[in-house]
């Protein structure tokens, strides 16, 4: 009987601990609209190298007469 009581208390403590964790996680997920970030990040445009067809961000690509390239070596190799 003593072990059943101890086991019951342990299970009760575990149940209370888990239910309080779930409640705190739900509170974190439901942030008010005033606390949500208002700025939206601009998506990065992805382009393809004309020579090797590797995809890379547009701001890292090199512009040539015939298109965009991933490196200066590919730009030279293409004749630009």
PDB file of N, CA and C in Angstrom:
ATOM      1  N   UNK A   1       0.825  -1.185   0.000  1.00  0.00           N
ATOM      2  CA  UNK A   1       0.000   0.000   0.000  1.00  0.00           C
ATOM      3  C   UNK A   1       0.877   1.259   0.000  1.00  0.00           C
ATOM      4  N   UNK A   2       1.975   1.195   0.739  1.00  0.00           N
ATOM      5  CA  UNK A   2       2.877   2.336   0.819  1.00  0.00           C
ATOM      6  C   UNK A   2       3.466   2.642  -0.559  1.00  0.00           C
ATOM      7  N   UNK A   3       3.837   1.611  -1.312  1.00  0.00           N
ATOM      8  CA  UNK A   3       4.426   1.804  -2.644  1.00  0.00           C
ATOM      9  C   UNK A   3       3.398   2.339  -3.639  1.00  0.00           C
ATOM     10  N   UNK A   4       2.164   1.944  -3.530  1.00  0.00           N
ATOM     11  CA  UNK A   4       1.106   2.438  -4.402  1.00  0.00           C
ATOM     12  C   UNK A   4       0.890   3.927  -4.170  1.00  0.00           C
ATOM     13  N   UNK A   5       0.951   4.348  -2.908  1.00  0.00           N
ATOM     14  CA  UNK A   5       0.788   5.766  -2.583  1.00  0.00           C
ATOM     15  C   UNK A   5       1.954   6.592  -3.135  1.00  0.00           C
ATOM     16  N   UNK A   6       3.166   6.097  -2.972  1.00  0.00           N
ATOM     17  CA  UNK A   6       4.343   6.796  -3.502  1.00  0.00           C
ATOM     18  C   UNK A   6       4.280   6.859  -5.026  1.00  0.00           C
ATOM     19  N   UNK A   7       3.920   5.760  -5.661  1.00  0.00           N
ATOM     20  CA  UNK A   7       3.796   5.745  -7.119  1.00  0.00           C
ATOM     21  C   UNK A   7       2.733   6.727  -7.588  1.00  0.00           C
ATOM     22  N   UNK A   8       1.615   6.797  -6.875  1.00  0.00           N
ATOM     23  CA  UNK A   8       0.552   7.740  -7.212  1.00  0.00           C
ATOM     24  C   UNK A   8       1.020   9.181  -7.108  1.00  0.00           C
ATOM     25  N   UNK A   9       1.789   9.490  -6.058  1.00  0.00           N
ATOM     26  CA  UNK A   9       2.314  10.842  -5.890  1.00  0.00           C
ATOM     27  C   UNK A   9       3.312  11.198  -6.984  1.00  0.00           C
ATOM     28  N   UNK A  10       4.172  10.249  -7.341  1.00  0.00           N
ATOM     29  CA  UNK A  10       5.139  10.493  -8.416  1.00  0.00           C
ATOM     30  C   UNK A  10       4.418  10.757  -9.732  1.00  0.00           C
ATOM     31  N   UNK A  11       3.409   9.951 -10.042  1.00  0.00           N
ATOM     32  CA  UNK A  11       2.643  10.147 -11.280  1.00  0.00           C
ATOM     33  C   UNK A  11       1.900  11.478 -11.274  1.00  0.00           C
ATOM     34  N   UNK A  12       1.388  11.889 -10.120  1.00  0.00           N
ATOM     35  CA  UNK A  12       0.697  13.175 -10.012  1.00  0.00           C
ATOM     36  C   UNK A  12       1.668  14.337 -10.261  1.00  0.00           C
ATOM     37  N   UNK A  13       2.853  14.249  -9.696  1.00  0.00           N
ATOM     38  CA  UNK A  13       3.857  15.302  -9.896  1.00  0.00           C
ATOM     39  C   UNK A  13       4.256  15.373 -11.369  1.00  0.00           C
ATOM     40  N   UNK A  14       4.472  14.240 -12.003  1.00  0.00           N
ATOM     41  CA  UNK A  14       4.828  14.218 -13.430  1.00  0.00           C
ATOM     42  C   UNK A  14       3.706  14.809 -14.271  1.00  0.00           C
ATOM     43  N   UNK A  15       2.466  14.467 -13.978  1.00  0.00           N
ATOM     44  CA  UNK A  15       1.327  14.982 -14.745  1.00  0.00           C
ATOM     45  C   UNK A  15       1.213  16.499 -14.587  1.00  0.00           C
ATOM     46  N   UNK A  16       1.381  16.997 -13.351  1.00  0.00           N
ATOM     47  CA  UNK A  16       1.316  18.445 -13.133  1.00  0.00           C
ATOM     48  C   UNK A  16       2.453  19.172 -13.843  1.00  0.00           C
ATOM     49  N   UNK A  17       3.640  18.601 -13.819  1.00  0.00           N
ATOM     50  CA  UNK A  17       4.791  19.212 -14.479  1.00  0.00           C
ATOM     51  C   UNK A  17       4.574  19.285 -15.983  1.00  0.00           C
ATOM     52  N   UNK A  18       4.095  18.195 -16.595  1.00  0.00           N
ATOM     53  CA  UNK A  18       3.870  18.178 -18.046  1.00  0.00           C
ATOM     54  C   UNK A  18       2.757  19.133 -18.453  1.00  0.00           C
ATOM     55  N   UNK A  19       1.693  19.206 -17.663  1.00  0.00           N
ATOM     56  CA  UNK A  19       0.593  20.107 -18.024  1.00  0.00           C
ATOM     57  C   UNK A  19       1.020  21.569 -17.916  1.00  0.00           C
ATOM     58  N   UNK A  20       1.879  21.895 -16.958  1.00  0.00           N
ATOM     59  CA  UNK A  20       2.351  23.282 -16.852  1.00  0.00           C
ATOM     60  C   UNK A  20       3.293  23.623 -18.005  1.00  0.00           C
ATOM     61  N   UNK A  21       4.090  22.654 -18.470  1.00  0.00           N
ATOM     62  CA  UNK A  21       4.976  22.894 -19.616  1.00  0.00           C
ATOM     63  C   UNK A  21       4.160  23.141 -20.881  1.00  0.00           C
ATOM     64  N   UNK A  22       3.095  22.350 -21.080  1.00  0.00           N
ATOM     65  CA  UNK A  22       2.255  22.536 -22.271  1.00  0.00           C
ATOM     66  C   UNK A  22       1.590  23.901 -22.243  1.00  0.00           C
ATOM     67  N   UNK A  23       1.140  24.327 -21.076  1.00  0.00           N
ATOM     68  CA  UNK A  23       0.490  25.637 -20.961  1.00  0.00           C
ATOM     69  C   UNK A  23       1.470  26.758 -21.265  1.00  0.00           C
ATOM     70  N   UNK A  24       2.712  26.642 -20.789  1.00  0.00           N
ATOM     71  CA  UNK A  24       3.682  27.702 -21.051  1.00  0.00           C
ATOM     72  C   UNK A  24       4.094  27.731 -22.522  1.00  0.00           C
ATOM     73  N   UNK A  25       4.145  26.572 -23.170  1.00  0.00           N
ATOM     74  CA  UNK A  25       4.461  26.533 -24.600  1.00  0.00           C
ATOM     75  C   UNK A  25       3.336  27.145 -25.421  1.00  0.00           C
ATOM     76  N   UNK A  26       2.094  26.920 -25.032  1.00  0.00           N
ATOM     77  CA  UNK A  26       0.963  27.513 -25.742  1.00  0.00           C
ATOM     78  C   UNK A  26       0.953  29.032 -25.578  1.00  0.00           C
ATOM     79  N   UNK A  27       1.361  29.515 -24.411  1.00  0.00           N
ATOM     80  CA  UNK A  27       1.434  30.960 -24.192  1.00  0.00           C
ATOM     81  C   UNK A  27       2.491  31.594 -25.080  1.00  0.00           C
ATOM     82  N   UNK A  28       3.611  30.905 -25.279  1.00  0.00           N
ATOM     83  CA  UNK A  28       4.668  31.428 -26.133  1.00  0.00           C
ATOM     84  C   UNK A  28       4.233  31.475 -27.587  1.00  0.00           C
ATOM     85  N   UNK A  29       3.438  30.496 -28.020  1.00  0.00           N
ATOM     86  CA  UNK A  29       2.992  30.448 -29.415  1.00  0.00           C
ATOM     87  C   UNK A  29       1.973  31.533 -29.719  1.00  0.00           C
ATOM     88  N   UNK A  30       1.194  31.935 -28.743  1.00  0.00           N
ATOM     89  CA  UNK A  30       0.128  32.906 -28.963  1.00  0.00           C
ATOM     90  C   UNK A  30       0.580  34.294 -28.531  1.00  0.00           C
ATOM     91  N   UNK A  31       1.474  34.889 -29.315  1.00  0.00           N
ATOM     92  CA  UNK A  31       1.922  36.242 -29.008  1.00  0.00           C
ATOM     93  C   UNK A  31       0.928  37.233 -29.589  1.00  0.00           C
ATOM     94  N   UNK A  32       0.696  38.332 -28.911  1.00  0.00           N
ATOM     95  CA  UNK A  32      -0.228  39.345 -29.439  1.00  0.00           C
ATOM     96  C   UNK A  32       0.285  39.940 -30.743  1.00  0.00           C
ATOM     97  N   UNK A  33      -0.617  40.464 -31.531  1.00  0.00           N
ATOM     98  CA  UNK A  33      -0.262  41.021 -32.834  1.00  0.00           C
ATOM     99  C   UNK A  33       0.712  42.198 -32.696  1.00  0.00           C
ATOM    100  N   UNK A  34       0.645  42.907 -31.583  1.00  0.00           N
ATOM    101  CA  UNK A  34       1.538  44.052 -31.399  1.00  0.00           C
ATOM    102  C   UNK A  34       2.988  43.622 -31.205  1.00  0.00           C
ATOM    103  N   UNK A  35       3.231  42.380 -30.795  1.00  0.00           N
ATOM    104  CA  UNK A  35       4.583  41.911 -30.566  1.00  0.00           C
ATOM    105  C   UNK A  35       5.162  41.181 -31.762  1.00  0.00           C
ATOM    106  N   UNK A  36       4.348  40.892 -32.767  1.00  0.00           N
ATOM    107  CA  UNK A  36       4.840  40.192 -33.947  1.00  0.00           C
ATOM    108  C   UNK A  36       5.660  41.146 -34.806  1.00  0.00           C
ATOM    109  N   UNK A  37       6.696  40.654 -35.465  1.00  0.00           N
ATOM    110  CA  UNK A  37       7.501  41.528 -36.324  1.00  0.00           C
ATOM    111  C   UNK A  37       6.670  42.068 -37.477  1.00  0.00           C
ATOM    112  N   UNK A  38       6.861  43.347 -37.768  1.00  0.00           N
ATOM    113  CA  UNK A  38       6.069  43.979 -38.811  1.00  0.00           C
ATOM    114  C   UNK A  38       6.803  44.041 -40.146  1.00  0.00           C
ATOM    115  N   UNK A  39       8.126  43.966 -40.108  1.00  0.00           N
ATOM    116  CA  UNK A  39       8.865  44.056 -41.364  1.00  0.00           C
ATOM    117  C   UNK A  39       8.944  42.689 -42.028  1.00  0.00           C
ATOM    118  N   UNK A  40       8.769  42.674 -43.318  1.00  0.00           N
ATOM    119  CA  UNK A  40       8.856  41.449 -44.098  1.00  0.00           C
ATOM    120  C   UNK A  40      10.148  41.502 -44.884  1.00  0.00           C
ATOM    121  N   UNK A  41      10.964  40.458 -44.735  1.00  0.00           N
ATOM    122  CA  UNK A  41      12.237  40.427 -45.437  1.00  0.00           C
ATOM    123  C   UNK A  41      12.010  40.180 -46.917  1.00  0.00           C
ATOM    124  N   UNK A  42      12.799  40.855 -47.722  1.00  0.00           N
ATOM    125  CA  UNK A  42      12.699  40.710 -49.161  1.00  0.00           C
ATOM    126  C   UNK A  42      13.313  39.374 -49.572  1.00  0.00           C
ATOM    127  N   UNK A  43      12.648  38.668 -50.452  1.00  0.00           N
ATOM    128  CA  UNK A  43      13.146  37.378 -50.927  1.00  0.00           C
ATOM    129  C   UNK A  43      14.345  37.594 -51.846  1.00  0.00           C
ATOM    130  N   UNK A  44      15.301  36.697 -51.766  1.00  0.00           N
ATOM    131  CA  UNK A  44      16.493  36.779 -52.596  1.00  0.00           C
ATOM    132  C   UNK A  44      16.214  36.121 -53.939  1.00  0.00           C
ATOM    133  N   UNK A  45      16.517  36.834 -55.011  1.00  0.00           N
ATOM    134  CA  UNK A  45      16.321  36.278 -56.350  1.00  0.00           C
ATOM    135  C   UNK A  45      17.479  35.336 -56.666  1.00  0.00           C
ATOM    136  N   UNK A  46      17.156  34.162 -57.156  1.00  0.00           N
ATOM    137  CA  UNK A  46      18.148  33.163 -57.517  1.00  0.00           C
ATOM    138  C   UNK A  46      18.275  33.135 -59.036  1.00  0.00           C
ATOM    139  N   UNK A  47      19.527  33.173 -59.526  1.00  0.00           N
ATOM    140  CA  UNK A  47      19.796  33.146 -60.963  1.00  0.00           C
ATOM    141  C   UNK A  47      20.696  31.959 -61.276  1.00  0.00           C
ATOM    142  N   UNK A  48      20.871  31.693 -62.554  1.00  0.00           N
ATOM    143  CA  UNK A  48      21.648  30.546 -62.998  1.00  0.00           C
ATOM    144  C   UNK A  48      22.856  31.013 -63.802  1.00  0.00           C
ATOM    145  N   UNK A  49      24.012  30.411 -63.541  1.00  0.00           N
ATOM    146  CA  UNK A  49      25.224  30.696 -64.300  1.00  0.00           C
ATOM    147  C   UNK A  49      25.014  30.180 -65.725  1.00  0.00           C
ATOM    148  N   UNK A  50      25.365  31.008 -66.720  1.00  0.00           N
ATOM    149  CA  UNK A  50      25.164  30.629 -68.122  1.00  0.00           C
ATOM    150  C   UNK A  50      26.086  29.495 -68.551  1.00  0.00           C
ATOM    151  N   UNK A  51      27.201  29.319 -67.872  1.00  0.00           N
ATOM    152  CA  UNK A  51      28.169  28.312 -68.285  1.00  0.00           C
ATOM    153  C   UNK A  51      27.965  26.969 -67.589  1.00  0.00           C
ATOM    154  N   UNK A  52      27.924  26.977 -66.258  1.00  0.00           N
ATOM    155  CA  UNK A  52      27.851  25.708 -65.526  1.00  0.00           C
ATOM    156  C   UNK A  52      26.466  25.413 -64.963  1.00  0.00           C
ATOM    157  N   UNK A  53      25.543  26.335 -65.079  1.00  0.00           N
ATOM    158  CA  UNK A  53      24.147  26.186 -64.642  1.00  0.00           C
ATOM    159  C   UNK A  53      23.993  26.028 -63.135  1.00  0.00           C
ATOM    160  N   UNK A  54      24.950  26.549 -62.369  1.00  0.00           N
ATOM    161  CA  UNK A  54      24.844  26.579 -60.915  1.00  0.00           C
ATOM    162  C   UNK A  54      23.907  27.721 -60.531  1.00  0.00           C
ATOM    163  N   UNK A  55      23.055  27.491 -59.545  1.00  0.00           N
ATOM    164  CA  UNK A  55      22.150  28.530 -59.062  1.00  0.00           C
ATOM    165  C   UNK A  55      22.805  29.276 -57.909  1.00  0.00           C
ATOM    166  N   UNK A  56      22.684  30.617 -57.925  1.00  0.00           N
ATOM    167  CA  UNK A  56      23.276  31.452 -56.893  1.00  0.00           C
ATOM    168  C   UNK A  56      22.450  32.725 -56.748  1.00  0.00           C
ATOM    169  N   UNK A  57      22.587  33.425 -55.601  1.00  0.00           N
ATOM    170  CA  UNK A  57      21.857  34.681 -55.415  1.00  0.00           C
ATOM    171  C   UNK A  57      22.291  35.726 -56.440  1.00  0.00           C
ATOM    172  N   UNK A  58      21.343  36.540 -56.880  1.00  0.00           N
ATOM    173  CA  UNK A  58      21.620  37.537 -57.920  1.00  0.00           C
ATOM    174  C   UNK A  58      22.690  38.529 -57.490  1.00  0.00           C
ATOM    175  N   UNK A  59      22.719  38.891 -56.219  1.00  0.00           N
ATOM    176  CA  UNK A  59      23.714  39.874 -55.784  1.00  0.00           C
ATOM    177  C   UNK A  59      25.133  39.306 -55.752  1.00  0.00           C
ATOM    178  N   UNK A  60      25.309  37.987 -55.854  1.00  0.00           N
ATOM    179  CA  UNK A  60      26.636  37.380 -55.921  1.00  0.00           C
ATOM    180  C   UNK A  60      27.058  37.063 -57.359  1.00  0.00           C
ATOM    181  N   UNK A  61      26.144  37.166 -58.309  1.00  0.00           N
ATOM    182  CA  UNK A  61      26.435  36.822 -59.698  1.00  0.00           C
ATOM    183  C   UNK A  61      27.175  37.965 -60.398  1.00  0.00           C
ATOM    184  N   UNK A  62      28.016  37.597 -61.357  1.00  0.00           N
ATOM    185  CA  UNK A  62      28.732  38.577 -62.178  1.00  0.00           C
ATOM    186  C   UNK A  62      27.982  38.740 -63.495  1.00  0.00           C
ATOM    187  N   UNK A  63      27.767  39.977 -63.900  1.00  0.00           N
ATOM    188  CA  UNK A  63      27.021  40.252 -65.121  1.00  0.00           C
ATOM    189  C   UNK A  63      27.971  40.367 -66.299  1.00  0.00           C
ATOM    190  N   UNK A  64      27.652  39.656 -67.355  1.00  0.00           N
ATOM    191  CA  UNK A  64      28.424  39.726 -68.592  1.00  0.00           C
ATOM    192  C   UNK A  64      27.514  40.105 -69.744  1.00  0.00           C
ATOM    193  N   UNK A  65      28.062  40.195 -70.944  1.00  0.00           N
ATOM    194  CA  UNK A  65      27.253  40.555 -72.107  1.00  0.00           C
ATOM    195  C   UNK A  65      26.240  39.470 -72.450  1.00  0.00           C
ATOM    196  N   UNK A  66      26.584  38.226 -72.188  1.00  0.00           N
ATOM    197  CA  UNK A  66      25.713  37.106 -72.564  1.00  0.00           C
ATOM    198  C   UNK A  66      24.882  36.562 -71.408  1.00  0.00           C
ATOM    199  N   UNK A  67      25.027  37.138 -70.243  1.00  0.00           N
ATOM    200  CA  UNK A  67      24.225  36.672 -69.104  1.00  0.00           C
ATOM    201  C   UNK A  67      24.943  36.815 -67.783  1.00  0.00           C
ATOM    202  N   UNK A  68      24.537  36.006 -66.844  1.00  0.00           N
ATOM    203  CA  UNK A  68      25.088  36.044 -65.492  1.00  0.00           C
ATOM    204  C   UNK A  68      25.990  34.836 -65.270  1.00  0.00           C
ATOM    205  N   UNK A  69      27.057  35.050 -64.467  1.00  0.00           N
ATOM    206  CA  UNK A  69      28.041  33.997 -64.240  1.00  0.00           C
ATOM    207  C   UNK A  69      28.340  33.893 -62.745  1.00  0.00           C
ATOM    208  N   UNK A  70      28.786  32.684 -62.338  1.00  0.00           N
ATOM    209  CA  UNK A  70      29.068  32.446 -60.921  1.00  0.00           C
ATOM    210  C   UNK A  70      30.465  32.887 -60.529  1.00  0.00           C
ATOM    211  N   UNK A  71      31.380  33.018 -61.480  1.00  0.00           N
ATOM    212  CA  UNK A  71      32.752  33.428 -61.161  1.00  0.00           C
ATOM    213  C   UNK A  71      33.351  34.175 -62.347  1.00  0.00           C
ATOM    214  N   UNK A  72      34.444  34.871 -62.076  1.00  0.00           N
ATOM    215  CA  UNK A  72      35.101  35.602 -63.155  1.00  0.00           C
ATOM    216  C   UNK A  72      35.729  34.635 -64.164  1.00  0.00           C
ATOM    217  N   UNK A  73      36.134  33.444 -63.709  1.00  0.00           N
ATOM    218  CA  UNK A  73      36.692  32.452 -64.625  1.00  0.00           C
ATOM    219  C   UNK A  73      35.640  31.999 -65.639  1.00  0.00           C
ATOM    220  N   UNK A  74      34.423  31.793 -65.191  1.00  0.00           N
ATOM    221  CA  UNK A  74      33.370  31.389 -66.116  1.00  0.00           C
ATOM    222  C   UNK A  74      32.976  32.540 -67.037  1.00  0.00           C
ATOM    223  N   UNK A  75      33.047  33.738 -66.526  1.00  0.00           N
ATOM    224  CA  UNK A  75      32.742  34.906 -67.362  1.00  0.00           C
ATOM    225  C   UNK A  75      33.773  35.023 -68.491  1.00  0.00           C
ATOM    226  N   UNK A  76      35.052  34.816 -68.166  1.00  0.00           N
ATOM    227  CA  UNK A  76      36.112  34.873 -69.181  1.00  0.00           C
ATOM    228  C   UNK A  76      36.015  33.700 -70.144  1.00  0.00           C
ATOM    229  N   UNK A  77      35.692  32.531 -69.620  1.00  0.00           N
ATOM    230  CA  UNK A  77      35.604  31.338 -70.448  1.00  0.00           C
ATOM    231  C   UNK A  77      34.469  31.464 -71.471  1.00  0.00           C
ATOM    232  N   UNK A  78      33.422  32.188 -71.123  1.00  0.00           N
ATOM    233  CA  UNK A  78      32.311  32.372 -72.033  1.00  0.00           C
ATOM    234  C   UNK A  78      32.604  33.444 -73.070  1.00  0.00           C
ATOM    235  N   UNK A  79      33.689  34.177 -72.899  1.00  0.00           N
ATOM    236  CA  UNK A  79      34.057  35.184 -73.878  1.00  0.00           C
ATOM    237  C   UNK A  79      33.547  36.560 -73.526  1.00  0.00           C
ATOM    238  N   UNK A  80      33.108  36.777 -72.336  1.00  0.00           N
ATOM    239  CA  UNK A  80      32.627  38.101 -71.924  1.00  0.00           C
ATOM    240  C   UNK A  80      33.733  38.918 -71.315  1.00  0.00           C
TER     241      UNK A  80
END
